[in-house]
Amino acid sequence: MKSMKRFLAAIAVLLSLACVVLYLAPTDDVFAREGGYTLKVDDTPVLSSGPHRVSSYANVLSKATPSVIGVYTAQVVRRSFPNASNPLEEFLRRYYGLPGRTGSSRVEEQKVPTGMGSGVIVSPEGYVLTNAHVVTDQRTGAPVDEVTIKFADKREFPAEIIGFDRATDIAVLKISAPEALPSITLADSAKLQVGDIVFAAGNPLGVGLTVTMGIVSATGRTDLGILKDPGAYENFIQTDAAINQGNSGGALIDAQGRLVGINTAIYSRTGGSI
């Protein structure tokens, strides 16, 4: 099992500031309560390629993107209905003033979709990183009732919310799957440099796995007011990789196929990069 400190050094959050940004999220206690997970960590810096020009990153992304999944949420809405009486009773009650039968109301439950986002699997046991705002009610801050994970190959699994931190907009989920799941290697986002190539992978607009490419544009962005929680912690890395709605919780991947960030939100006039 890798050091939790090294693992946390790789957790970051991504959003757009006419481009996109990313920040480090200290969430020790969420994972400290959970045992039985395996994390792959590689914190070596990305090597400069010099004048060499890479024509394709297909091999790198083919190893990293199977861990990127769609996250779909739902709330269970409960509605009460009075018990139905038979037609004769209703006729006697209405026209002859006879009292109807009293009884408890009937309660029906209905599952209502509430949102979608993205996530990334960080251990073969099924632990997932995503954004807290993907799996919580934006009005009340309470966790949603149901979370479903969808893979690019159309497989679906239920997931449990292990914990979340609205101050850093990070959440940890656990997928209930019968087999080991593809997981991504974690890198140290503190070693990113301006000019490093990065890829944003996620489920934008619910269309399925999508990857866009950019570079690290800046590091150490603070006091942006993006996270609305009163105790919000902001320490962002900016990148120009295109992001759209539904990317929240997806992966920011470096040129070696390692996780350096988590998509968080869009901050633009259009609400996206289209």
C-alpha atoms as a PDB file:
ATOM      1  CA  MET A   1       0.000   0.000   0.000  1.00  0.00           C
ATOM      2  CA  LYS A   2       1.431   3.345  -1.022  1.00  0.00           C
ATOM      3  CA  SER A   3       1.872   6.217   1.412  1.00  0.00           C
ATOM      4  CA  MET A   4      -1.333   8.203   1.897  1.00  0.00           C
ATOM      5  CA  LYS A   5       0.647  11.446   1.855  1.00  0.00           C
ATOM      6  CA  ARG A   6       2.065  10.636  -1.565  1.00  0.00           C
ATOM      7  CA  PHE A   7      -1.410   9.726  -2.760  1.00  0.00           C
ATOM      8  CA  LEU A   8      -2.897  12.988  -1.541  1.00  0.00           C
ATOM      9  CA  ALA A   9      -0.091  14.932  -3.191  1.00  0.00           C
ATOM     10  CA  ALA A  10      -1.491  13.745  -6.521  1.00  0.00           C
ATOM     11  CA  ILE A  11      -5.123  14.731  -5.952  1.00  0.00           C
ATOM     12  CA  ALA A  12      -6.084  17.904  -7.771  1.00  0.00           C
ATOM     13  CA  VAL A  13      -9.196  19.634  -9.031  1.00  0.00           C
ATOM     14  CA  LEU A  14      -9.780  21.094 -12.479  1.00  0.00           C
ATOM     15  CA  LEU A  15     -11.923  23.978 -13.717  1.00  0.00           C
ATOM     16  CA  SER A  16     -12.049  26.548 -16.487  1.00  0.00           C
ATOM     17  CA  LEU A  17     -10.981  30.158 -16.288  1.00  0.00           C
ATOM     18  CA  ALA A  18     -11.457  30.909 -19.976  1.00  0.00           C
ATOM     19  CA  CYS A  19      -9.224  27.836 -19.931  1.00  0.00           C
ATOM     20  CA  VAL A  20      -9.167  25.247 -17.140  1.00  0.00           C
ATOM     21  CA  VAL A  21      -7.686  25.073 -13.639  1.00  0.00           C
ATOM     22  CA  LEU A  22      -6.662  22.529 -11.069  1.00  0.00           C
ATOM     23  CA  TYR A  23      -5.999  22.392  -7.332  1.00  0.00           C
ATOM     24  CA  LEU A  24      -4.530  20.219  -4.598  1.00  0.00           C
ATOM     25  CA  ALA A  25      -7.046  18.677  -2.196  1.00  0.00           C
ATOM     26  CA  PRO A  26      -6.040  17.435   1.301  1.00  0.00           C
ATOM     27  CA  THR A  27      -8.604  14.747   2.215  1.00  0.00           C
ATOM     28  CA  ASP A  28      -6.633  12.435   4.534  1.00  0.00           C
ATOM     29  CA  ASP A  29      -9.413  11.247   6.805  1.00  0.00           C
ATOM     30  CA  VAL A  30     -11.705   9.939   4.051  1.00  0.00           C
ATOM     31  CA  PHE A  31      -9.190   7.327   2.931  1.00  0.00           C
ATOM     32  CA  ALA A  32      -7.752   6.810   6.409  1.00  0.00           C
ATOM     33  CA  ARG A  33     -11.066   5.238   7.439  1.00  0.00           C
ATOM     34  CA  GLU A  34     -11.003   2.841   4.502  1.00  0.00           C
ATOM     35  CA  GLY A  35      -8.727  -0.172   4.230  1.00  0.00           C
ATOM     36  CA  GLY A  36      -8.082  -2.706   1.489  1.00  0.00           C
ATOM     37  CA  TYR A  37      -7.121  -0.471  -1.392  1.00  0.00           C
ATOM     38  CA  THR A  38      -4.132  -0.476  -3.740  1.00  0.00           C
ATOM     39  CA  LEU A  39      -2.787   2.771  -5.195  1.00  0.00           C
ATOM     40  CA  LYS A  40      -0.246   3.064  -7.991  1.00  0.00           C
ATOM     41  CA  VAL A  41       1.930   6.144  -7.533  1.00  0.00           C
ATOM     42  CA  ASP A  42       4.684   7.476  -9.799  1.00  0.00           C
ATOM     43  CA  ASP A  43       5.859  10.929  -8.715  1.00  0.00           C
ATOM     44  CA  THR A  44       8.782  11.316 -11.119  1.00  0.00           C
ATOM     45  CA  PRO A  45       8.576  14.533 -13.175  1.00  0.00           C
ATOM     46  CA  VAL A  46       7.685  14.496 -16.854  1.00  0.00           C
ATOM     47  CA  LEU A  47      10.823  14.605 -18.992  1.00  0.00           C
ATOM     48  CA  SER A  48      11.176  17.325 -21.593  1.00  0.00           C
ATOM     49  CA  SER A  49      10.979  15.934 -25.114  1.00  0.00           C
ATOM     50  CA  GLY A  50      13.202  18.663 -26.575  1.00  0.00           C
ATOM     51  CA  PRO A  51      12.864  19.072 -30.332  1.00  0.00           C
ATOM     52  CA  HIS A  52      11.277  15.621 -30.736  1.00  0.00           C
ATOM     53  CA  ARG A  53       7.686  15.819 -32.008  1.00  0.00           C
ATOM     54  CA  VAL A  54       5.199  13.157 -30.892  1.00  0.00           C
ATOM     55  CA  SER A  55       2.639  12.311 -33.589  1.00  0.00           C
ATOM     56  CA  SER A  56       0.219  10.386 -31.356  1.00  0.00           C
ATOM     57  CA  TYR A  57      -0.563   9.776 -27.682  1.00  0.00           C
ATOM     58  CA  ALA A  58      -2.883   6.865 -28.445  1.00  0.00           C
ATOM     59  CA  ASN A  59      -0.763   4.303 -26.579  1.00  0.00           C
ATOM     60  CA  VAL A  60      -0.528   6.499 -23.477  1.00  0.00           C
ATOM     61  CA  LEU A  61      -4.249   7.253 -23.391  1.00  0.00           C
ATOM     62  CA  SER A  62      -5.307   3.672 -24.133  1.00  0.00           C
ATOM     63  CA  LYS A  63      -3.788   2.678 -20.788  1.00  0.00           C
ATOM     64  CA  ALA A  64      -5.178   5.611 -18.794  1.00  0.00           C
ATOM     65  CA  THR A  65      -8.690   6.244 -20.101  1.00  0.00           C
ATOM     66  CA  PRO A  66     -10.310   2.877 -19.195  1.00  0.00           C
ATOM     67  CA  SER A  67     -10.275   4.182 -15.604  1.00  0.00           C
ATOM     68  CA  VAL A  68     -12.376   7.243 -16.539  1.00  0.00           C
ATOM     69  CA  ILE A  69     -16.091   6.689 -15.991  1.00  0.00           C
ATOM     70  CA  GLY A  70     -19.440   8.474 -16.129  1.00  0.00           C
ATOM     71  CA  VAL A  71     -21.171   9.251 -12.831  1.00  0.00           C
ATOM     72  CA  TYR A  72     -24.982   9.462 -12.823  1.00  0.00           C
ATOM     73  CA  THR A  73     -26.975  10.473  -9.747  1.00  0.00           C
ATOM     74  CA  ALA A  74     -30.591  10.182  -8.645  1.00  0.00           C
ATOM     75  CA  GLN A  75     -32.800  11.131  -5.721  1.00  0.00           C
ATOM     76  CA  VAL A  76     -35.693   9.051  -4.409  1.00  0.00           C
ATOM     77  CA  VAL A  77     -38.790  11.271  -4.280  1.00  0.00           C
ATOM     78  CA  ARG A  78     -41.622  10.148  -2.000  1.00  0.00           C
ATOM     79  CA  ARG A  79     -45.198  11.207  -2.749  1.00  0.00           C
ATOM     80  CA  SER A  80     -48.308  10.576  -0.628  1.00  0.00           C
ATOM     81  CA  PHE A  81     -51.733   9.796  -2.118  1.00  0.00           C
ATOM     82  CA  PRO A  82     -55.027   9.241  -0.256  1.00  0.00           C
ATOM     83  CA  ASN A  83     -56.292   5.685  -0.349  1.00  0.00           C
ATOM     84  CA  ALA A  84     -58.749   5.237  -3.200  1.00  0.00           C
ATOM     85  CA  SER A  85     -62.312   4.245  -2.285  1.00  0.00           C
ATOM     86  CA  ASN A  86     -64.600   2.127  -4.445  1.00  0.00           C
ATOM     87  CA  PRO A  87     -67.142   3.883  -6.760  1.00  0.00           C
ATOM     88  CA  LEU A  88     -70.198   3.024  -4.596  1.00  0.00           C
ATOM     89  CA  GLU A  89     -68.626   4.515  -1.474  1.00  0.00           C
ATOM     90  CA  GLU A  90     -67.677   7.637  -3.408  1.00  0.00           C
ATOM     91  CA  PHE A  91     -71.300   7.967  -4.719  1.00  0.00           C
ATOM     92  CA  LEU A  92     -72.839   7.591  -1.235  1.00  0.00           C
ATOM     93  CA  ARG A  93     -70.374  10.044   0.258  1.00  0.00           C
ATOM     94  CA  ARG A  94     -70.903  12.676  -2.393  1.00  0.00           C
ATOM     95  CA  TYR A  95     -74.716  12.547  -2.761  1.00  0.00           C
ATOM     96  CA  TYR A  96     -75.987  11.241   0.582  1.00  0.00           C
ATOM     97  CA  GLY A  97     -73.410  12.654   2.953  1.00  0.00           C
ATOM     98  CA  LEU A  98     -72.285   9.295   4.226  1.00  0.00           C
ATOM     99  CA  PRO A  99     -68.786   9.376   5.684  1.00  0.00           C
ATOM    100  CA  GLY A 100     -66.066   7.685   3.730  1.00  0.00           C
ATOM    101  CA  ARG A 101     -63.623   5.255   5.209  1.00  0.00           C
ATOM    102  CA  THR A 102     -60.568   6.702   6.864  1.00  0.00           C
ATOM    103  CA  GLY A 103     -57.161   5.191   6.399  1.00  0.00           C
ATOM    104  CA  SER A 104     -53.536   5.933   5.957  1.00  0.00           C
ATOM    105  CA  SER A 105     -52.359   7.506   2.750  1.00  0.00           C
ATOM    106  CA  ARG A 106     -50.483   5.555   0.116  1.00  0.00           C
ATOM    107  CA  VAL A 107     -46.805   6.450  -0.342  1.00  0.00           C
ATOM    108  CA  GLU A 108     -45.057   5.937  -3.662  1.00  0.00           C
ATOM    109  CA  GLU A 109     -41.343   6.256  -4.299  1.00  0.00           C
ATOM    110  CA  GLN A 110     -39.957   7.447  -7.603  1.00  0.00           C
ATOM    111  CA  LYS A 111     -36.319   7.638  -8.649  1.00  0.00           C
ATOM    112  CA  VAL A 112     -35.603  10.985 -10.290  1.00  0.00           C
ATOM    113  CA  PRO A 113     -32.311  11.602 -12.166  1.00  0.00           C
ATOM    114  CA  THR A 114     -30.548  14.635 -10.716  1.00  0.00           C
ATOM    115  CA  GLY A 115     -27.290  14.990 -12.603  1.00  0.00           C
ATOM    116  CA  MET A 116     -24.273  13.535 -14.318  1.00  0.00           C
ATOM    117  CA  GLY A 117     -20.546  13.981 -14.192  1.00  0.00           C
ATOM    118  CA  SER A 118     -17.343  12.036 -14.454  1.00  0.00           C
ATOM    119  CA  GLY A 119     -14.958  10.172 -12.193  1.00  0.00           C
ATOM    120  CA  VAL A 120     -11.685   8.272 -12.261  1.00  0.00           C
ATOM    121  CA  ILE A 121     -10.888   4.910 -10.673  1.00  0.00           C
ATOM    122  CA  VAL A 122      -7.740   5.077  -8.527  1.00  0.00           C
ATOM    123  CA  SER A 123      -7.600   1.494  -7.230  1.00  0.00           C
ATOM    124  CA  PRO A 124      -8.540  -1.910  -8.700  1.00  0.00           C
ATOM    125  CA  GLU A 125     -10.796  -2.417  -5.669  1.00  0.00           C
ATOM    126  CA  GLY A 126     -13.100   0.216  -7.155  1.00  0.00           C
ATOM    127  CA  TYR A 127     -12.311   3.432  -5.295  1.00  0.00           C
ATOM    128  CA  VAL A 128     -13.170   6.492  -7.373  1.00  0.00           C
ATOM    129  CA  LEU A 129     -12.296  10.177  -7.137  1.00  0.00           C
ATOM    130  CA  THR A 130     -14.838  12.723  -8.325  1.00  0.00           C
ATOM    131  CA  ASN A 131     -16.145  16.131  -7.281  1.00  0.00           C
ATOM    132  CA  ALA A 132     -18.274  16.618  -4.195  1.00  0.00           C
ATOM    133  CA  HIS A 133     -20.697  18.758  -6.185  1.00  0.00           C
ATOM    134  CA  VAL A 134     -21.335  15.830  -8.558  1.00  0.00           C
ATOM    135  CA  VAL A 135     -22.735  13.629  -5.766  1.00  0.00           C
ATOM    136  CA  THR A 136     -24.368  16.173  -3.442  1.00  0.00           C
ATOM    137  CA  ASP A 137     -27.440  18.390  -3.585  1.00  0.00           C
ATOM    138  CA  GLN A 138     -26.287  21.891  -4.510  1.00  0.00           C
ATOM    139  CA  ARG A 139     -29.029  23.492  -2.430  1.00  0.00           C
ATOM    140  CA  THR A 140     -28.784  21.464   0.787  1.00  0.00           C
ATOM    141  CA  GLY A 141     -25.307  19.949   0.533  1.00  0.00           C
ATOM    142  CA  ALA A 142     -26.723  16.505   1.354  1.00  0.00           C
ATOM    143  CA  PRO A 143     -25.481  13.442  -0.562  1.00  0.00           C
ATOM    144  CA  VAL A 144     -27.685  12.082  -3.342  1.00  0.00           C
ATOM    145  CA  ASP A 145     -29.633   8.863  -2.785  1.00  0.00           C
ATOM    146  CA  GLU A 146     -28.193   6.800  -5.638  1.00  0.00           C
ATOM    147  CA  VAL A 147     -25.011   6.811  -7.712  1.00  0.00           C
ATOM    148  CA  THR A 148     -24.536   4.736 -10.868  1.00  0.00           C
ATOM    149  CA  ILE A 149     -21.194   4.303 -12.628  1.00  0.00           C
ATOM    150  CA  LYS A 150     -21.122   3.819 -16.397  1.00  0.00           C
ATOM    151  CA  PHE A 151     -18.064   2.619 -18.309  1.00  0.00           C
ATOM    152  CA  ALA A 152     -17.229   3.424 -21.913  1.00  0.00           C
ATOM    153  CA  ASP A 153     -18.066  -0.213 -22.801  1.00  0.00           C
ATOM    154  CA  LYS A 154     -21.643   0.348 -21.490  1.00  0.00           C
ATOM    155  CA  ARG A 155     -21.214  -1.637 -18.247  1.00  0.00           C
ATOM    156  CA  GLU A 156     -23.035  -0.154 -15.258  1.00  0.00           C
ATOM    157  CA  PHE A 157     -22.457  -0.622 -11.515  1.00  0.00           C
ATOM    158  CA  PRO A 158     -23.916   0.947  -8.381  1.00  0.00           C
ATOM    159  CA  ALA A 159     -21.536   2.991  -6.231  1.00  0.00           C
ATOM    160  CA  GLU A 160     -21.454   4.076  -2.599  1.00  0.00           C
ATOM    161  CA  ILE A 161     -20.430   7.537  -1.426  1.00  0.00           C
ATOM    162  CA  ILE A 162     -17.573   6.869   1.011  1.00  0.00           C
ATOM    163  CA  GLY A 163     -17.040  10.513   1.890  1.00  0.00           C
ATOM    164  CA  PHE A 164     -16.892  14.032   0.506  1.00  0.00           C
ATOM    165  CA  ASP A 165     -15.417  17.422   1.369  1.00  0.00           C
ATOM    166  CA  ARG A 166     -17.214  20.467  -0.009  1.00  0.00           C
ATOM    167  CA  ALA A 167     -14.364  22.793   1.010  1.00  0.00           C
ATOM    168  CA  THR A 168     -12.073  21.101  -1.522  1.00  0.00           C
ATOM    169  CA  ASP A 169     -14.877  19.741  -3.757  1.00  0.00           C
ATOM    170  CA  ILE A 170     -13.524  16.194  -3.558  1.00  0.00           C
ATOM    171  CA  ALA A 171     -15.551  12.999  -3.078  1.00  0.00           C
ATOM    172  CA  VAL A 172     -14.578   9.340  -2.798  1.00  0.00           C
ATOM    173  CA  LEU A 173     -16.876   6.617  -4.156  1.00  0.00           C
ATOM    174  CA  LYS A 174     -16.677   2.819  -4.031  1.00  0.00           C
ATOM    175  CA  ILE A 175     -17.928   0.795  -6.998  1.00  0.00           C
ATOM    176  CA  SER A 176     -19.673  -2.512  -6.278  1.00  0.00           C
ATOM    177  CA  ALA A 177     -18.192  -4.739  -8.992  1.00  0.00           C
ATOM    178  CA  PRO A 178     -17.392  -8.483  -8.981  1.00  0.00           C
ATOM    179  CA  GLU A 179     -13.982  -8.085 -10.616  1.00  0.00           C
ATOM    180  CA  ALA A 180     -10.872  -5.930 -10.365  1.00  0.00           C
ATOM    181  CA  LEU A 181     -11.320  -2.644 -12.185  1.00  0.00           C
ATOM    182  CA  PRO A 182      -8.917  -0.631 -14.365  1.00  0.00           C
ATOM    183  CA  SER A 183      -7.184   2.041 -12.294  1.00  0.00           C
ATOM    184  CA  ILE A 184      -4.938   4.960 -13.140  1.00  0.00           C
ATOM    185  CA  THR A 185      -1.439   5.670 -11.813  1.00  0.00           C
ATOM    186  CA  LEU A 186      -1.157   8.769  -9.638  1.00  0.00           C
ATOM    187  CA  ALA A 187       1.473  11.455 -10.209  1.00  0.00           C
ATOM    188  CA  ASP A 188       2.535  14.434  -8.081  1.00  0.00           C
ATOM    189  CA  SER A 189       0.775  17.520  -9.459  1.00  0.00           C
ATOM    190  CA  ALA A 190       3.177  19.738  -7.505  1.00  0.00           C
ATOM    191  CA  LYS A 191       5.830  18.787 -10.068  1.00  0.00           C
ATOM    192  CA  LEU A 192       3.826  20.036 -13.047  1.00  0.00           C
ATOM    193  CA  GLN A 193       5.442  22.886 -14.969  1.00  0.00           C
ATOM    194  CA  VAL A 194       4.015  25.524 -17.271  1.00  0.00           C
ATOM    195  CA  GLY A 195       4.165  24.057 -20.762  1.00  0.00           C
ATOM    196  CA  ASP A 196       3.624  20.416 -19.744  1.00  0.00           C
ATOM    197  CA  ILE A 197       1.157  18.611 -22.011  1.00  0.00           C
ATOM    198  CA  VAL A 198      -2.046  17.447 -20.304  1.00  0.00           C
ATOM    199  CA  PHE A 199      -5.264  15.707 -21.362  1.00  0.00           C
ATOM    200  CA  ALA A 200      -8.747  16.248 -19.920  1.00  0.00           C
ATOM    201  CA  ALA A 201     -10.783  13.026 -20.002  1.00  0.00           C
ATOM    202  CA  GLY A 202     -14.402  12.703 -18.964  1.00  0.00           C
ATOM    203  CA  ASN A 203     -18.050  12.417 -19.948  1.00  0.00           C
ATOM    204  CA  PRO A 204     -18.895  15.899 -21.302  1.00  0.00           C
ATOM    205  CA  LEU A 205     -22.579  16.523 -21.989  1.00  0.00           C
ATOM    206  CA  GLY A 206     -23.202  12.824 -21.321  1.00  0.00           C
ATOM    207  CA  VAL A 207     -21.904  11.791 -24.763  1.00  0.00           C
ATOM    208  CA  GLY A 208     -19.391   9.276 -23.388  1.00  0.00           C
ATOM    209  CA  LEU A 209     -15.633   9.139 -22.946  1.00  0.00           C
ATOM    210  CA  THR A 210     -13.988  12.175 -24.539  1.00  0.00           C
ATOM    211  CA  VAL A 211     -10.386  13.396 -24.386  1.00  0.00           C
ATOM    212  CA  THR A 212      -9.122  16.915 -25.098  1.00  0.00           C
ATOM    213  CA  MET A 213      -5.521  18.136 -25.088  1.00  0.00           C
ATOM    214  CA  GLY A 214      -3.780  21.258 -23.811  1.00  0.00           C
ATOM    215  CA  ILE A 215      -0.851  22.467 -21.746  1.00  0.00           C
ATOM    216  CA  VAL A 216      -0.373  23.648 -18.191  1.00  0.00           C
ATOM    217  CA  SER A 217      -0.883  27.398 -18.551  1.00  0.00           C
ATOM    218  CA  ALA A 218      -0.192  28.521 -14.971  1.00  0.00           C
ATOM    219  CA  THR A 219       0.155  27.180 -11.437  1.00  0.00           C
ATOM    220  CA  GLY A 220      -0.746  28.445  -7.976  1.00  0.00           C
ATOM    221  CA  ARG A 221      -3.991  30.238  -8.842  1.00  0.00           C
ATOM    222  CA  THR A 222      -5.692  31.283  -5.584  1.00  0.00           C
ATOM    223  CA  ASP A 223      -8.563  33.472  -4.324  1.00  0.00           C
ATOM    224  CA  LEU A 224     -10.646  32.940  -7.449  1.00  0.00           C
ATOM    225  CA  GLY A 225     -13.936  32.462  -5.607  1.00  0.00           C
ATOM    226  CA  ILE A 226     -14.780  29.415  -7.692  1.00  0.00           C
ATOM    227  CA  LEU A 227     -15.614  27.141  -4.762  1.00  0.00           C
ATOM    228  CA  LYS A 228     -18.540  28.663  -2.880  1.00  0.00           C
ATOM    229  CA  ASP A 229     -18.089  26.821   0.426  1.00  0.00           C
ATOM    230  CA  PRO A 230     -17.184  29.279   3.249  1.00  0.00           C
ATOM    231  CA  GLY A 231     -14.095  27.234   4.117  1.00  0.00           C
ATOM    232  CA  ALA A 232     -13.063  26.598   0.510  1.00  0.00           C
ATOM    233  CA  TYR A 233      -9.402  25.886  -0.246  1.00  0.00           C
ATOM    234  CA  GLU A 234      -8.157  27.076  -3.637  1.00  0.00           C
ATOM    235  CA  ASN A 235      -4.719  26.407  -5.132  1.00  0.00           C
ATOM    236  CA  PHE A 236      -5.309  26.015  -8.837  1.00  0.00           C
ATOM    237  CA  ILE A 237      -3.315  24.995 -11.888  1.00  0.00           C
ATOM    238  CA  GLN A 238      -4.576  26.491 -15.138  1.00  0.00           C
ATOM    239  CA  THR A 239      -4.665  24.640 -18.447  1.00  0.00           C
ATOM    240  CA  ASP A 240      -6.216  25.327 -21.835  1.00  0.00           C
ATOM    241  CA  ALA A 241      -7.562  21.786 -22.359  1.00  0.00           C
ATOM    242  CA  ALA A 242     -11.192  22.104 -23.477  1.00  0.00           C
ATOM    243  CA  ILE A 243     -13.790  21.320 -20.798  1.00  0.00           C
ATOM    244  CA  ASN A 244     -17.586  21.134 -21.013  1.00  0.00           C
ATOM    245  CA  GLN A 245     -20.484  20.369 -18.672  1.00  0.00           C
ATOM    246  CA  GLY A 246     -20.363  16.764 -17.510  1.00  0.00           C
ATOM    247  CA  ASN A 247     -16.560  16.786 -17.310  1.00  0.00           C
ATOM    248  CA  SER A 248     -16.732  17.517 -13.575  1.00  0.00           C
ATOM    249  CA  GLY A 249     -14.948  14.756 -11.688  1.00  0.00           C
ATOM    250  CA  GLY A 250     -13.041  13.500 -14.732  1.00  0.00           C
ATOM    251  CA  ALA A 251      -9.284  13.070 -15.032  1.00  0.00           C
ATOM    252  CA  LEU A 252      -6.503  15.466 -15.942  1.00  0.00           C
ATOM    253  CA  ILE A 253      -3.783  13.200 -17.334  1.00  0.00           C
ATOM    254  CA  ASP A 254      -0.134  13.979 -18.050  1.00  0.00           C
ATOM    255  CA  ALA A 255       1.880  12.908 -21.106  1.00  0.00           C
ATOM    256  CA  GLN A 256       2.867   9.679 -19.331  1.00  0.00           C
ATOM    257  CA  GLY A 257      -0.738   8.676 -18.711  1.00  0.00           C
ATOM    258  CA  ARG A 258      -0.781   9.530 -14.988  1.00  0.00           C
ATOM    259  CA  LEU A 259      -3.465  11.318 -12.997  1.00  0.00           C
ATOM    260  CA  VAL A 260      -2.549  14.877 -12.015  1.00  0.00           C
ATOM    261  CA  GLY A 261      -5.999  16.388 -11.503  1.00  0.00           C
ATOM    262  CA  ILE A 262      -9.764  16.056 -11.243  1.00  0.00           C
ATOM    263  CA  ASN A 263     -12.146  18.117 -13.421  1.00  0.00           C
ATOM    264  CA  THR A 264     -14.156  20.487 -11.249  1.00  0.00           C
ATOM    265  CA  ALA A 265     -16.241  23.166 -12.967  1.00  0.00           C
ATOM    266  CA  ILE A 266     -16.532  25.553 -15.876  1.00  0.00           C
ATOM    267  CA  TYR A 267     -16.004  29.276 -15.438  1.00  0.00           C
ATOM    268  CA  SER A 268     -16.809  30.913 -18.766  1.00  0.00           C
ATOM    269  CA  ARG A 269     -19.507  33.005 -20.437  1.00  0.00           C
ATOM    270  CA  THR A 270     -20.897  30.016 -22.340  1.00  0.00           C
ATOM    271  CA  GLY A 271     -20.583  27.437 -19.546  1.00  0.00           C
ATOM    272  CA  GLY A 272     -18.254  25.345 -21.678  1.00  0.00           C
ATOM    273  CA  SER A 273     -15.438  25.231 -24.206  1.00  0.00           C
ATOM    274  CA  ILE A 274     -17.499  24.364 -27.298  1.00  0.00           C
END
